[in-house]
Amino acid sequence: MNTETAALLNLHAQMGELEKQKKAFKEAEPFPYTVIEEFLDEGVAKDLVASFPSGNRDQWIHYVHYNEKKFGLNRFESLPKPIQAVITQLHDDAFLSYLSRLTGIEGLIADDSLEGGGLHLSDRGGFLNIHADFTVHPHHDDWQRRLNLILYLNEDWQPDFKGDLELWSKDMKTCVASVAPLFNRCVIFATDADSYHGFPVPLECPEGQSRKSIALYYYTKSDQKLKIKSTNYRSRPGDGIKAFFIWADKQLVMIYTQLKKRLSLKDDFASNMLRFFNGKKK
């Protein structure tokens, strides 16, 4: 592992904990995951917070519909230089090797297009209903999604702000674990058809504050074309009539996912449509 990668990502310390992390990942419930504290060198992490673009939302993708309310920015060339540098290191061969050793998944591929990932930001009132992620890359039908990496960049985040990442059982009856989105905390988890997760409780952070993260997804290449599956939103016990609207919105997402593949659409298209229907078109 080169010196630059090790220093930037604090991997020397993490490699010392690798056996413990491997065991935690393998034995975790309700699906394989691990939480890594102090993931980046602290100075690097603070630089990311300072450079994180959280003002004007015009350049962001607006993921605003019944099942979520958040913003995304995944054009690499538009990201601040400190964030570009960290993402580049998280995509290099040394880090992919580390991920393979941690998870036991060989042949991992980083997605340089940051499809669905990149920067995520949610303001007060933001949320993301429980779901399992799309399992095949929309523009590479032989790429199977295997891992999510989420790095949180929220300094002084308080429990009453809400926003914990919830991990739900495969039968969607129980929230088995939750992870607070604390500064420089990284969550790595397996992305399967029943890896149900989200932060469904609307944020109660102060106005002007937001929940910030970097989200990266890793794939393996299949020797055959895979069936595209869209994000599978699920209702929770007690959701009542909301369950119908969660299901109905999911059907619209499924239609969009098929159109996205056939027409090679980017999420900017859906964002503009959502902004139009929400009365935000300029």
Protein backbone atom coordinates (compact mmCIF):
# COMPACT_ATOMS: atom_id res chain seq x y z
CA MET A 1 0.00 0.00 0.00
CA ASN A 2 1.49 3.35 -1.01
CA THR A 3 2.34 5.93 1.65
CA GLU A 4 -0.09 8.56 0.31
CA THR A 5 -3.07 6.21 0.51
CA ALA A 6 -2.17 4.98 3.96
CA ALA A 7 -1.77 8.51 5.35
CA LEU A 8 -4.89 9.94 3.74
CA LEU A 9 -7.18 7.11 4.77
CA ASN A 10 -5.55 6.25 8.10
CA LEU A 11 -5.21 2.70 6.81
CA HIS A 12 -2.17 1.84 8.89
CA ALA A 13 -4.40 1.93 11.97
CA GLN A 14 -7.22 0.14 10.16
CA MET A 15 -4.96 -2.67 8.93
CA GLY A 16 -4.07 -3.33 12.54
CA GLU A 17 -7.76 -3.87 13.23
CA LEU A 18 -8.43 -5.87 10.06
CA GLU A 19 -8.96 -9.27 11.69
CA LYS A 20 -11.41 -7.77 14.19
CA GLN A 21 -13.23 -5.92 11.39
CA LYS A 22 -13.42 -9.07 9.24
CA LYS A 23 -15.02 -10.96 12.10
CA ALA A 24 -17.45 -8.13 12.81
CA PHE A 25 -18.43 -7.89 9.12
CA LYS A 26 -19.01 -11.61 8.76
CA GLU A 27 -20.99 -12.06 11.98
CA ALA A 28 -23.04 -8.84 11.85
CA GLU A 29 -26.81 -8.91 11.83
CA PRO A 30 -29.12 -8.40 9.99
CA PHE A 31 -26.58 -8.52 7.14
CA PRO A 32 -22.79 -8.19 6.89
CA TYR A 33 -21.54 -4.75 7.89
CA THR A 34 -18.88 -3.03 9.93
CA VAL A 35 -18.43 0.44 11.43
CA ILE A 36 -14.98 2.06 11.35
CA GLU A 37 -14.30 5.05 13.56
CA GLU A 38 -11.71 7.73 12.68
CA PHE A 39 -11.71 6.42 9.12
CA LEU A 40 -9.71 9.31 7.67
CA ASP A 41 -6.79 11.18 9.08
CA GLU A 42 -8.55 13.77 11.26
CA GLY A 43 -7.06 16.73 9.42
CA VAL A 44 -8.20 15.30 6.09
CA ALA A 45 -11.71 14.72 7.44
CA LYS A 46 -11.91 18.31 8.68
CA ASP A 47 -10.81 19.54 5.25
CA LEU A 48 -13.69 17.58 3.71
CA VAL A 49 -16.19 19.20 6.06
CA ALA A 50 -14.79 22.65 5.32
CA SER A 51 -14.99 22.10 1.54
CA PHE A 52 -18.34 20.28 1.47
CA PRO A 53 -20.66 22.31 -0.82
CA SER A 54 -23.82 22.83 1.21
CA GLY A 55 -25.15 26.18 -0.03
CA ASN A 56 -26.77 26.58 -3.44
CA ARG A 57 -28.81 23.47 -4.32
CA ASP A 58 -29.21 24.24 -8.04
CA GLN A 59 -26.33 21.97 -9.08
CA TRP A 60 -27.49 19.10 -6.88
CA ILE A 61 -29.65 16.19 -7.93
CA HIS A 62 -32.99 16.54 -6.14
CA TYR A 63 -34.04 13.13 -4.81
CA VAL A 64 -37.36 14.47 -3.57
CA HIS A 65 -40.36 12.16 -3.78
CA TYR A 66 -42.53 10.19 -1.37
CA ASN A 67 -39.80 7.76 -0.33
CA GLU A 68 -36.95 10.20 0.17
CA LYS A 69 -35.98 13.80 0.59
CA LYS A 70 -32.29 14.40 0.02
CA PHE A 71 -29.81 15.91 -2.43
CA GLY A 72 -26.96 14.31 -4.35
CA LEU A 73 -23.89 15.53 -6.23
CA ASN A 74 -22.07 12.95 -8.33
CA ARG A 75 -20.25 14.85 -11.07
CA PHE A 76 -16.68 14.20 -10.09
CA GLU A 77 -15.35 17.25 -11.90
CA SER A 78 -17.73 19.46 -9.88
CA LEU A 79 -16.55 18.20 -6.51
CA PRO A 80 -14.09 20.19 -4.38
CA LYS A 81 -10.47 19.09 -4.77
CA PRO A 82 -10.11 17.63 -1.23
CA ILE A 83 -13.16 15.43 -1.83
CA GLN A 84 -11.88 14.39 -5.26
CA ALA A 85 -8.59 13.34 -3.66
CA VAL A 86 -10.27 11.12 -1.06
CA ILE A 87 -12.64 9.50 -3.56
CA THR A 88 -9.68 8.79 -5.86
CA GLN A 89 -7.91 7.00 -3.02
CA LEU A 90 -11.07 5.07 -2.13
CA HIS A 91 -11.19 3.88 -5.73
CA ASP A 92 -7.56 2.86 -6.12
CA ASP A 93 -6.23 -0.71 -6.22
CA ALA A 94 -4.76 -0.53 -2.72
CA PHE A 95 -8.09 0.29 -1.15
CA LEU A 96 -9.95 -2.25 -3.28
CA SER A 97 -7.52 -4.86 -1.99
CA TYR A 98 -8.23 -3.77 1.58
CA LEU A 99 -12.00 -4.06 0.95
CA SER A 100 -11.58 -7.54 -0.49
CA ARG A 101 -9.61 -8.66 2.56
CA LEU A 102 -12.20 -7.12 4.87
CA THR A 103 -15.28 -8.60 3.18
CA GLY A 104 -13.98 -11.70 1.41
CA ILE A 105 -15.32 -10.39 -1.92
CA GLU A 106 -12.73 -10.65 -4.70
CA GLY A 107 -12.63 -8.70 -7.95
CA LEU A 108 -14.21 -5.51 -6.64
CA ILE A 109 -14.72 -2.65 -9.12
CA ALA A 110 -15.01 1.02 -8.17
CA ASP A 111 -17.67 3.04 -10.00
CA ASP A 112 -15.95 6.17 -11.31
CA SER A 113 -19.31 7.49 -12.58
CA LEU A 114 -20.54 7.65 -8.95
CA GLU A 115 -23.96 6.45 -10.12
CA GLY A 116 -26.41 7.13 -7.27
CA GLY A 117 -23.53 8.02 -4.98
CA GLY A 118 -21.02 10.82 -4.53
CA LEU A 119 -22.09 13.46 -2.03
CA HIS A 120 -25.39 13.12 -0.16
CA LEU A 121 -26.96 15.91 1.84
CA SER A 122 -30.25 16.16 3.75
CA ASP A 123 -31.63 19.28 5.42
CA ARG A 124 -34.02 19.51 8.36
CA GLY A 125 -37.05 17.35 7.49
CA GLY A 126 -35.01 15.14 5.16
CA PHE A 127 -35.38 11.36 5.26
CA LEU A 128 -34.80 8.15 3.32
CA ASN A 129 -37.35 5.37 3.71
CA ILE A 130 -36.17 1.82 4.36
CA HIS A 131 -35.07 0.13 1.16
CA ALA A 132 -32.76 -2.34 -0.53
CA ASP A 133 -30.57 -0.70 -3.17
CA PHE A 134 -30.56 -1.36 -6.90
CA THR A 135 -28.43 -4.47 -7.39
CA VAL A 136 -27.11 -3.96 -10.94
CA HIS A 137 -25.40 -0.89 -12.35
CA PRO A 138 -27.89 0.98 -14.59
CA HIS A 139 -25.31 1.40 -17.38
CA HIS A 140 -23.31 -1.83 -16.99
CA ASP A 141 -25.68 -4.80 -16.98
CA ASP A 142 -22.88 -7.21 -16.06
CA TRP A 143 -21.88 -5.25 -12.92
CA GLN A 144 -23.41 -6.63 -9.73
CA ARG A 145 -23.47 -4.24 -6.79
CA ARG A 146 -21.78 -5.78 -3.77
CA LEU A 147 -20.79 -3.13 -1.22
CA ASN A 148 -21.82 0.29 0.03
CA LEU A 149 -19.37 2.61 1.78
CA ILE A 150 -20.81 5.61 3.61
CA LEU A 151 -18.52 8.17 5.23
CA TYR A 152 -20.26 10.65 7.54
CA LEU A 153 -19.04 14.22 7.85
CA ASN A 154 -21.25 15.62 10.60
CA GLU A 155 -19.41 17.44 13.37
CA ASP A 156 -21.25 17.91 16.67
CA TRP A 157 -24.19 15.75 15.55
CA GLN A 158 -26.64 15.27 18.42
CA PRO A 159 -28.96 12.29 19.06
CA ASP A 160 -32.06 14.50 18.99
CA PHE A 161 -31.21 15.52 15.42
CA LYS A 162 -32.30 11.98 14.35
CA GLY A 163 -30.79 10.63 11.10
CA ASP A 164 -29.45 7.30 12.38
CA LEU A 165 -28.87 4.71 9.67
CA GLU A 166 -31.30 1.87 10.48
CA LEU A 167 -30.58 -1.73 9.45
CA TRP A 168 -33.71 -3.88 9.23
CA SER A 169 -34.35 -7.61 9.29
CA LYS A 170 -34.98 -9.44 6.03
CA ASP A 171 -38.65 -9.90 6.94
CA MET A 172 -38.97 -6.15 7.64
CA LYS A 173 -40.36 -6.76 11.12
CA THR A 174 -37.53 -5.36 13.23
CA CYS A 175 -34.87 -2.66 13.19
CA VAL A 176 -31.91 -4.80 14.25
CA ALA A 177 -29.20 -2.13 14.45
CA SER A 178 -28.74 1.60 14.01
CA VAL A 179 -25.67 3.74 13.39
CA ALA A 180 -25.48 7.44 14.24
CA PRO A 181 -24.04 9.55 11.37
CA LEU A 182 -21.10 10.86 13.38
CA PHE A 183 -18.07 12.73 12.07
CA ASN A 184 -15.41 10.58 10.38
CA ARG A 185 -17.39 7.38 10.96
CA CYS A 186 -17.50 4.95 8.04
CA VAL A 187 -20.06 2.19 7.49
CA ILE A 188 -19.33 -0.59 4.99
CA PHE A 189 -22.08 -3.11 4.29
CA ALA A 190 -23.06 -5.83 1.85
CA THR A 191 -25.57 -4.80 -0.80
CA ASP A 192 -27.98 -7.66 -1.40
CA ALA A 193 -31.61 -7.83 -2.48
CA ASP A 194 -32.67 -7.88 1.17
CA SER A 195 -30.13 -5.50 2.76
CA TYR A 196 -32.83 -3.18 4.07
CA HIS A 197 -31.60 0.15 5.41
CA GLY A 198 -32.37 3.88 5.52
CA PHE A 199 -33.06 6.80 7.84
CA PRO A 200 -36.87 7.01 7.76
CA VAL A 201 -37.34 9.43 10.67
CA PRO A 202 -37.32 13.04 9.37
CA LEU A 203 -34.30 15.02 10.53
CA GLU A 204 -34.75 17.45 13.40
CA CYS A 205 -31.39 19.22 13.11
CA PRO A 206 -31.45 23.01 13.38
CA GLU A 207 -32.27 25.05 10.29
CA GLY A 208 -29.08 25.67 8.35
CA GLN A 209 -27.51 22.40 9.49
CA SER A 210 -27.57 19.23 7.39
CA ARG A 211 -26.69 15.55 7.38
CA LYS A 212 -23.66 15.11 5.08
CA SER A 213 -22.00 12.00 3.73
CA ILE A 214 -19.91 10.54 0.92
CA ALA A 215 -21.46 7.38 -0.55
CA LEU A 216 -19.47 5.01 -2.76
CA TYR A 217 -20.61 1.72 -4.28
CA TYR A 218 -18.49 -1.23 -5.36
CA TYR A 219 -19.30 -3.96 -7.89
CA THR A 220 -18.08 -7.27 -9.25
CA LYS A 221 -18.31 -8.24 -12.90
CA SER A 222 -20.52 -11.14 -13.93
CA ASP A 223 -19.93 -13.36 -16.95
CA GLN A 224 -23.51 -12.79 -18.02
CA LYS A 225 -26.05 -9.98 -18.26
CA LEU A 226 -27.97 -9.40 -15.06
CA LYS A 227 -31.58 -8.40 -14.56
CA ILE A 228 -31.90 -4.77 -13.57
CA LYS A 229 -33.66 -4.29 -10.25
CA SER A 230 -34.63 -0.86 -8.97
CA THR A 231 -34.49 0.40 -5.41
CA ASN A 232 -36.93 -1.64 -3.33
CA TYR A 233 -38.60 0.64 -0.78
CA ARG A 234 -40.41 -1.12 2.05
CA SER A 235 -42.91 -0.04 4.67
CA ARG A 236 -42.34 -0.59 8.39
CA PRO A 237 -44.74 -2.18 10.86
CA GLY A 238 -47.15 0.51 11.93
CA ASP A 239 -46.86 2.58 8.76
CA GLY A 240 -50.57 2.05 8.08
CA ILE A 241 -51.88 3.90 5.02
CA LYS A 242 -48.35 5.14 4.33
CA ALA A 243 -47.54 1.60 3.17
CA PHE A 244 -49.69 2.11 0.07
CA PHE A 245 -47.95 5.34 -0.90
CA ILE A 246 -44.52 3.79 -0.30
CA TRP A 247 -45.50 0.95 -2.64
CA ALA A 248 -47.01 3.28 -5.28
CA ASP A 249 -43.94 5.49 -5.32
CA LYS A 250 -41.76 2.40 -5.67
CA GLN A 251 -43.64 1.45 -8.84
CA LEU A 252 -42.83 4.83 -10.36
CA VAL A 253 -39.18 4.35 -9.45
CA MET A 254 -39.23 0.94 -11.16
CA ILE A 255 -40.58 2.51 -14.36
CA TYR A 256 -37.95 5.23 -14.25
CA THR A 257 -35.19 2.65 -13.72
CA GLN A 258 -36.19 0.82 -16.90
CA LEU A 259 -36.35 4.07 -18.88
CA LYS A 260 -33.02 5.11 -17.44
CA LYS A 261 -31.35 2.01 -18.83
CA ARG A 262 -33.08 2.03 -22.21
CA LEU A 263 -32.56 5.74 -22.86
CA SER A 264 -29.20 6.08 -21.03
CA LEU A 265 -30.66 8.74 -18.78
CA LYS A 266 -28.79 10.35 -15.92
CA ASP A 267 -30.32 11.19 -12.55
CA ASP A 268 -30.19 14.88 -13.48
CA PHE A 269 -33.15 14.17 -15.77
CA ALA A 270 -35.27 12.76 -12.96
CA SER A 271 -34.13 15.59 -10.69
CA ASN A 272 -35.35 18.22 -13.15
CA MET A 273 -38.66 16.42 -13.53
CA LEU A 274 -39.14 16.21 -9.77
CA ARG A 275 -38.29 19.88 -9.37
CA PHE A 276 -40.83 20.72 -12.08
CA PHE A 277 -43.63 18.75 -10.45
CA ASN A 278 -42.73 20.22 -7.09
CA GLY A 279 -43.11 23.69 -8.51
CA LYS A 280 -39.40 24.47 -8.36
CA LYS A 281 -38.60 24.82 -12.04
CA LYS A 282 -37.06 28.19 -12.76
